[in-house]
Each structure stands twice: as C-alpha cells, then as structure tokens.
Amino acid sequence: MRDERPSITPYPDGPILVRGDVDLRDADGEPIPRNRRTMALCRCGLSSIKPFCDGTHKPAGFRTDD
C-alpha cells in the first residue's frame, strides 16, 4: 500500500473515499489501522464503525450539496 499517490474523493450522498499512502489518525493522534487499499470514511455521522462508513447514510437519507 505504501508509495501510492493519495487521493481523497467525496462520493455523492455518501462517504469520503481515501486511496493511496495516507496516515489516518484518531482525535488523540493515534494511528488507525488500515486493512484495505481504499477506505470509506463516514461523513453523515451515523456510522456504528466510525470513522469508517457502514452504509447507514442510505437509509438515513443523507444528501450532499451538488
């Protein structure tokens, strides 16, 4: 996974997709382990596995601005 150019893409009406060599940390500065090349980060605030998306945005009707 290392040495991959990072990209951060907001998915319409859904999570933020993070790809590449990104050091993800929690509010205390502790590293958050990544087990996948692409991470989907919650932005609706309702996920039960924060900071990752669990799909809760769909039934909640989360919408982003165009």
PDB file of N, CA and C in Angstrom:
ATOM      1  N   MET A   1       0.809  -1.193   0.000  1.00  0.00           N
ATOM      2  CA  MET A   1       0.000   0.000   0.000  1.00  0.00           C
ATOM      3  C   MET A   1       0.856   1.263   0.000  1.00  0.00           C
ATOM      4  N   ARG A   2       2.036   1.203   0.440  1.00  0.00           N
ATOM      5  CA  ARG A   2       2.888   2.381   0.547  1.00  0.00           C
ATOM      6  C   ARG A   2       3.349   2.848  -0.828  1.00  0.00           C
ATOM      7  N   ASP A   3       3.735   4.129  -0.887  1.00  0.00           N
ATOM      8  CA  ASP A   3       4.232   4.767  -2.092  1.00  0.00           C
ATOM      9  C   ASP A   3       3.162   4.932  -3.168  1.00  0.00           C
ATOM     10  N   GLU A   4       1.923   4.820  -2.819  1.00  0.00           N
ATOM     11  CA  GLU A   4       0.824   5.064  -3.731  1.00  0.00           C
ATOM     12  C   GLU A   4       0.379   6.505  -3.553  1.00  0.00           C
ATOM     13  N   ARG A   5       0.221   7.229  -4.625  1.00  0.00           N
ATOM     14  CA  ARG A   5      -0.194   8.632  -4.534  1.00  0.00           C
ATOM     15  C   ARG A   5      -1.597   8.716  -3.942  1.00  0.00           C
ATOM     16  N   PRO A   6      -1.767   9.526  -2.894  1.00  0.00           N
ATOM     17  CA  PRO A   6      -3.073   9.596  -2.245  1.00  0.00           C
ATOM     18  C   PRO A   6      -4.107  10.354  -3.070  1.00  0.00           C
ATOM     19  N   SER A   7      -5.356   9.931  -2.912  1.00  0.00           N
ATOM     20  CA  SER A   7      -6.480  10.679  -3.472  1.00  0.00           C
ATOM     21  C   SER A   7      -7.628  10.618  -2.475  1.00  0.00           C
ATOM     22  N   ILE A   8      -8.332  11.716  -2.372  1.00  0.00           N
ATOM     23  CA  ILE A   8      -9.472  11.822  -1.460  1.00  0.00           C
ATOM     24  C   ILE A   8     -10.647  12.304  -2.295  1.00  0.00           C
ATOM     25  N   THR A   9     -11.701  11.462  -2.359  1.00  0.00           N
ATOM     26  CA  THR A   9     -12.828  11.753  -3.225  1.00  0.00           C
ATOM     27  C   THR A   9     -14.134  11.677  -2.444  1.00  0.00           C
ATOM     28  N   PRO A  10     -14.877  12.774  -2.369  1.00  0.00           N
ATOM     29  CA  PRO A  10     -16.191  12.699  -1.741  1.00  0.00           C
ATOM     30  C   PRO A  10     -17.167  12.001  -2.683  1.00  0.00           C
ATOM     31  N   TYR A  11     -17.805  10.963  -2.207  1.00  0.00           N
ATOM     32  CA  TYR A  11     -18.771  10.218  -3.004  1.00  0.00           C
ATOM     33  C   TYR A  11     -20.128  10.897  -2.846  1.00  0.00           C
ATOM     34  N   PRO A  12     -20.804  11.221  -3.939  1.00  0.00           N
ATOM     35  CA  PRO A  12     -22.096  11.915  -3.833  1.00  0.00           C
ATOM     36  C   PRO A  12     -23.073  11.183  -2.908  1.00  0.00           C
ATOM     37  N   ASP A  13     -23.622  11.901  -1.957  1.00  0.00           N
ATOM     38  CA  ASP A  13     -24.592  11.363  -0.993  1.00  0.00           C
ATOM     39  C   ASP A  13     -24.046  10.188  -0.193  1.00  0.00           C
ATOM     40  N   GLY A  14     -22.734  10.131  -0.020  1.00  0.00           N
ATOM     41  CA  GLY A  14     -22.139   9.010   0.698  1.00  0.00           C
ATOM     42  C   GLY A  14     -20.829   9.376   1.364  1.00  0.00           C
ATOM     43  N   PRO A  15     -19.947   8.389   1.523  1.00  0.00           N
ATOM     44  CA  PRO A  15     -18.706   8.587   2.272  1.00  0.00           C
ATOM     45  C   PRO A  15     -17.643   9.350   1.490  1.00  0.00           C
ATOM     46  N   ILE A  16     -16.533   9.592   2.160  1.00  0.00           N
ATOM     47  CA  ILE A  16     -15.335  10.118   1.520  1.00  0.00           C
ATOM     48  C   ILE A  16     -14.422   8.920   1.266  1.00  0.00           C
ATOM     49  N   LEU A  17     -14.036   8.727   0.014  1.00  0.00           N
ATOM     50  CA  LEU A  17     -13.165   7.614  -0.343  1.00  0.00           C
ATOM     51  C   LEU A  17     -11.717   8.079  -0.300  1.00  0.00           C
ATOM     52  N   VAL A  18     -10.876   7.324   0.427  1.00  0.00           N
ATOM     53  CA  VAL A  18      -9.464   7.653   0.580  1.00  0.00           C
ATOM     54  C   VAL A  18      -8.653   6.506   0.009  1.00  0.00           C
ATOM     55  N   ARG A  19      -7.797   6.847  -0.960  1.00  0.00           N
ATOM     56  CA  ARG A  19      -6.939   5.839  -1.593  1.00  0.00           C
ATOM     57  C   ARG A  19      -5.489   6.295  -1.493  1.00  0.00           C
ATOM     58  N   GLY A  20      -4.583   5.331  -1.466  1.00  0.00           N
ATOM     59  CA  GLY A  20      -3.163   5.651  -1.505  1.00  0.00           C
ATOM     60  C   GLY A  20      -2.510   5.705  -0.138  1.00  0.00           C
ATOM     61  N   ASP A  21      -1.307   6.293  -0.130  1.00  0.00           N
ATOM     62  CA  ASP A  21      -0.467   6.329   1.066  1.00  0.00           C
ATOM     63  C   ASP A  21      -0.916   7.470   1.984  1.00  0.00           C
ATOM     64  N   VAL A  22      -1.864   7.168   2.869  1.00  0.00           N
ATOM     65  CA  VAL A  22      -2.427   8.156   3.789  1.00  0.00           C
ATOM     66  C   VAL A  22      -2.296   7.634   5.212  1.00  0.00           C
ATOM     67  N   ASP A  23      -1.808   8.485   6.096  1.00  0.00           N
ATOM     68  CA  ASP A  23      -1.667   8.135   7.505  1.00  0.00           C
ATOM     69  C   ASP A  23      -2.912   8.621   8.233  1.00  0.00           C
ATOM     70  N   LEU A  24      -3.825   7.734   8.534  1.00  0.00           N
ATOM     71  CA  LEU A  24      -5.079   8.085   9.186  1.00  0.00           C
ATOM     72  C   LEU A  24      -4.906   7.987  10.697  1.00  0.00           C
ATOM     73  N   ARG A  25      -5.335   9.048  11.415  1.00  0.00           N
ATOM     74  CA  ARG A  25      -5.193   9.091  12.873  1.00  0.00           C
ATOM     75  C   ARG A  25      -6.505   9.495  13.520  1.00  0.00           C
ATOM     76  N   ASP A  26      -6.691   9.064  14.777  1.00  0.00           N
ATOM     77  CA  ASP A  26      -7.904   9.432  15.514  1.00  0.00           C
ATOM     78  C   ASP A  26      -7.722  10.798  16.175  1.00  0.00           C
ATOM     79  N   ALA A  27      -8.721  11.244  16.921  1.00  0.00           N
ATOM     80  CA  ALA A  27      -8.706  12.566  17.545  1.00  0.00           C
ATOM     81  C   ALA A  27      -7.556  12.736  18.547  1.00  0.00           C
ATOM     82  N   ASP A  28      -7.047  11.638  19.087  1.00  0.00           N
ATOM     83  CA  ASP A  28      -5.930  11.686  20.030  1.00  0.00           C
ATOM     84  C   ASP A  28      -4.577  11.555  19.345  1.00  0.00           C
ATOM     85  N   GLY A  29      -4.578  11.470  18.017  1.00  0.00           N
ATOM     86  CA  GLY A  29      -3.334  11.338  17.274  1.00  0.00           C
ATOM     87  C   GLY A  29      -2.837   9.922  17.124  1.00  0.00           C
ATOM     88  N   GLU A  30      -3.613   8.964  17.595  1.00  0.00           N
ATOM     89  CA  GLU A  30      -3.217   7.559  17.483  1.00  0.00           C
ATOM     90  C   GLU A  30      -3.528   7.042  16.082  1.00  0.00           C
ATOM     91  N   PRO A  31      -2.635   6.229  15.514  1.00  0.00           N
ATOM     92  CA  PRO A  31      -2.875   5.697  14.171  1.00  0.00           C
ATOM     93  C   PRO A  31      -4.095   4.775  14.129  1.00  0.00           C
ATOM     94  N   ILE A  32      -4.835   4.866  13.053  1.00  0.00           N
ATOM     95  CA  ILE A  32      -5.967   3.970  12.808  1.00  0.00           C
ATOM     96  C   ILE A  32      -5.500   2.969  11.760  1.00  0.00           C
ATOM     97  N   PRO A  33      -5.489   1.670  12.107  1.00  0.00           N
ATOM     98  CA  PRO A  33      -5.004   0.671  11.158  1.00  0.00           C
ATOM     99  C   PRO A  33      -5.875   0.632   9.903  1.00  0.00           C
ATOM    100  N   ARG A  34      -5.219   0.442   8.772  1.00  0.00           N
ATOM    101  CA  ARG A  34      -5.963   0.260   7.533  1.00  0.00           C
ATOM    102  C   ARG A  34      -5.723  -1.143   7.010  1.00  0.00           C
ATOM    103  N   ASN A  35      -6.795  -1.761   6.631  1.00  0.00           N
ATOM    104  CA  ASN A  35      -6.717  -3.128   6.131  1.00  0.00           C
ATOM    105  C   ASN A  35      -7.069  -3.221   4.654  1.00  0.00           C
ATOM    106  N   ARG A  36      -7.380  -2.067   4.050  1.00  0.00           N
ATOM    107  CA  ARG A  36      -7.788  -2.052   2.648  1.00  0.00           C
ATOM    108  C   ARG A  36      -7.076  -0.928   1.912  1.00  0.00           C
ATOM    109  N   ARG A  37      -6.967  -1.073   0.608  1.00  0.00           N
ATOM    110  CA  ARG A  37      -6.363  -0.029  -0.229  1.00  0.00           C
ATOM    111  C   ARG A  37      -7.237   1.211  -0.267  1.00  0.00           C
ATOM    112  N   THR A  38      -8.554   1.002  -0.293  1.00  0.00           N
ATOM    113  CA  THR A  38      -9.497   2.110  -0.323  1.00  0.00           C
ATOM    114  C   THR A  38     -10.289   2.104   0.967  1.00  0.00           C
ATOM    115  N   MET A  39     -10.338   3.258   1.622  1.00  0.00           N
ATOM    116  CA  MET A  39     -11.120   3.393   2.851  1.00  0.00           C
ATOM    117  C   MET A  39     -12.305   4.306   2.559  1.00  0.00           C
ATOM    118  N   ALA A  40     -13.454   3.963   3.109  1.00  0.00           N
ATOM    119  CA  ALA A  40     -14.637   4.814   3.006  1.00  0.00           C
ATOM    120  C   ALA A  40     -14.877   5.411   4.385  1.00  0.00           C
ATOM    121  N   LEU A  41     -14.731   6.729   4.478  1.00  0.00           N
ATOM    122  CA  LEU A  41     -14.894   7.421   5.755  1.00  0.00           C
ATOM    123  C   LEU A  41     -16.293   8.022   5.853  1.00  0.00           C
ATOM    124  N   CYS A  42     -16.916   7.826   7.003  1.00  0.00           N
ATOM    125  CA  CYS A  42     -18.264   8.323   7.249  1.00  0.00           C
ATOM    126  C   CYS A  42     -18.282   9.849   7.243  1.00  0.00           C
ATOM    127  N   ARG A  43     -19.292  10.419   6.617  1.00  0.00           N
ATOM    128  CA  ARG A  43     -19.490  11.859   6.762  1.00  0.00           C
ATOM    129  C   ARG A  43     -20.921  12.226   7.126  1.00  0.00           C
ATOM    130  N   CYS A  44     -21.781  11.207   7.313  1.00  0.00           N
ATOM    131  CA  CYS A  44     -23.142  11.502   7.778  1.00  0.00           C
ATOM    132  C   CYS A  44     -23.187  11.566   9.298  1.00  0.00           C
ATOM    133  N   GLY A  45     -22.186  10.959   9.963  1.00  0.00           N
ATOM    134  CA  GLY A  45     -22.124  10.977  11.415  1.00  0.00           C
ATOM    135  C   GLY A  45     -22.899   9.859  12.095  1.00  0.00           C
ATOM    136  N   LEU A  46     -23.484   8.950  11.317  1.00  0.00           N
ATOM    137  CA  LEU A  46     -24.349   7.919  11.897  1.00  0.00           C
ATOM    138  C   LEU A  46     -23.752   6.513  11.902  1.00  0.00           C
ATOM    139  N   SER A  47     -22.589   6.324  11.334  1.00  0.00           N
ATOM    140  CA  SER A  47     -21.982   5.003  11.238  1.00  0.00           C
ATOM    141  C   SER A  47     -21.700   4.416  12.618  1.00  0.00           C
ATOM    142  N   SER A  48     -21.872   3.118  12.746  1.00  0.00           N
ATOM    143  CA  SER A  48     -21.552   2.447  14.011  1.00  0.00           C
ATOM    144  C   SER A  48     -20.095   1.988  14.049  1.00  0.00           C
ATOM    145  N   ILE A  49     -19.351   2.198  12.957  1.00  0.00           N
ATOM    146  CA  ILE A  49     -17.938   1.803  12.912  1.00  0.00           C
ATOM    147  C   ILE A  49     -17.054   3.003  12.546  1.00  0.00           C
ATOM    148  N   LYS A  50     -17.410   4.184  13.061  1.00  0.00           N
ATOM    149  CA  LYS A  50     -16.646   5.399  12.770  1.00  0.00           C
ATOM    150  C   LYS A  50     -15.171   5.189  13.061  1.00  0.00           C
ATOM    151  N   PRO A  51     -14.302   5.715  12.281  1.00  0.00           N
ATOM    152  CA  PRO A  51     -14.529   6.709  11.248  1.00  0.00           C
ATOM    153  C   PRO A  51     -14.950   6.123   9.903  1.00  0.00           C
ATOM    154  N   PHE A  52     -15.133   4.817   9.837  1.00  0.00           N
ATOM    155  CA  PHE A  52     -15.452   4.178   8.565  1.00  0.00           C
ATOM    156  C   PHE A  52     -16.958   4.170   8.312  1.00  0.00           C
ATOM    157  N   CYS A  53     -17.305   4.124   7.058  1.00  0.00           N
ATOM    158  CA  CYS A  53     -18.707   4.106   6.638  1.00  0.00           C
ATOM    159  C   CYS A  53     -19.264   2.685   6.764  1.00  0.00           C
ATOM    160  N   ASP A  54     -20.494   2.574   7.257  1.00  0.00           N
ATOM    161  CA  ASP A  54     -21.159   1.274   7.325  1.00  0.00           C
ATOM    162  C   ASP A  54     -22.434   1.242   6.468  1.00  0.00           C
ATOM    163  N   GLY A  55     -22.643   2.285   5.670  1.00  0.00           N
ATOM    164  CA  GLY A  55     -23.808   2.332   4.785  1.00  0.00           C
ATOM    165  C   GLY A  55     -25.044   2.946   5.399  1.00  0.00           C
ATOM    166  N   THR A  56     -24.958   3.387   6.643  1.00  0.00           N
ATOM    167  CA  THR A  56     -26.108   3.958   7.332  1.00  0.00           C
ATOM    168  C   THR A  56     -26.639   5.207   6.635  1.00  0.00           C
ATOM    169  N   HIS A  57     -25.791   5.887   5.864  1.00  0.00           N
ATOM    170  CA  HIS A  57     -26.220   7.107   5.182  1.00  0.00           C
ATOM    171  C   HIS A  57     -27.392   6.857   4.229  1.00  0.00           C
ATOM    172  N   LYS A  58     -27.461   5.667   3.660  1.00  0.00           N
ATOM    173  CA  LYS A  58     -28.537   5.367   2.699  1.00  0.00           C
ATOM    174  C   LYS A  58     -29.910   5.378   3.356  1.00  0.00           C
ATOM    175  N   PRO A  59     -30.156   4.531   4.387  1.00  0.00           N
ATOM    176  CA  PRO A  59     -31.492   4.568   4.994  1.00  0.00           C
ATOM    177  C   PRO A  59     -31.801   5.870   5.727  1.00  0.00           C
ATOM    178  N   ALA A  60     -30.738   6.602   6.130  1.00  0.00           N
ATOM    179  CA  ALA A  60     -30.943   7.870   6.833  1.00  0.00           C
ATOM    180  C   ALA A  60     -31.295   8.998   5.875  1.00  0.00           C
ATOM    181  N   GLY A  61     -31.080   8.758   4.564  1.00  0.00           N
ATOM    182  CA  GLY A  61     -31.377   9.786   3.584  1.00  0.00           C
ATOM    183  C   GLY A  61     -30.357  10.912   3.515  1.00  0.00           C
ATOM    184  N   PHE A  62     -29.108  10.613   3.890  1.00  0.00           N
ATOM    185  CA  PHE A  62     -28.044  11.623   3.854  1.00  0.00           C
ATOM    186  C   PHE A  62     -27.858  12.143   2.431  1.00  0.00           C
ATOM    187  N   ARG A  63     -27.803  13.472   2.297  1.00  0.00           N
ATOM    188  CA  ARG A  63     -27.611  14.106   0.991  1.00  0.00           C
ATOM    189  C   ARG A  63     -26.519  15.159   1.089  1.00  0.00           C
ATOM    190  N   THR A  64     -25.735  15.248   0.024  1.00  0.00           N
ATOM    191  CA  THR A  64     -24.701  16.263  -0.063  1.00  0.00           C
ATOM    192  C   THR A  64     -25.148  17.344  -1.033  1.00  0.00           C
ATOM    193  N   ASP A  65     -24.506  18.492  -0.933  1.00  0.00           N
ATOM    194  CA  ASP A  65     -24.777  19.560  -1.902  1.00  0.00           C
ATOM    195  C   ASP A  65     -24.123  19.193  -3.224  1.00  0.00           C
ATOM    196  N   ASP A  66     -24.738  19.585  -4.304  1.00  0.00           N
ATOM    197  CA  ASP A  66     -24.156  19.321  -5.626  1.00  0.00           C
ATOM    198  C   ASP A  66     -22.990  20.218  -5.917  1.00  0.00           C
TER     199      ASP A  66
END
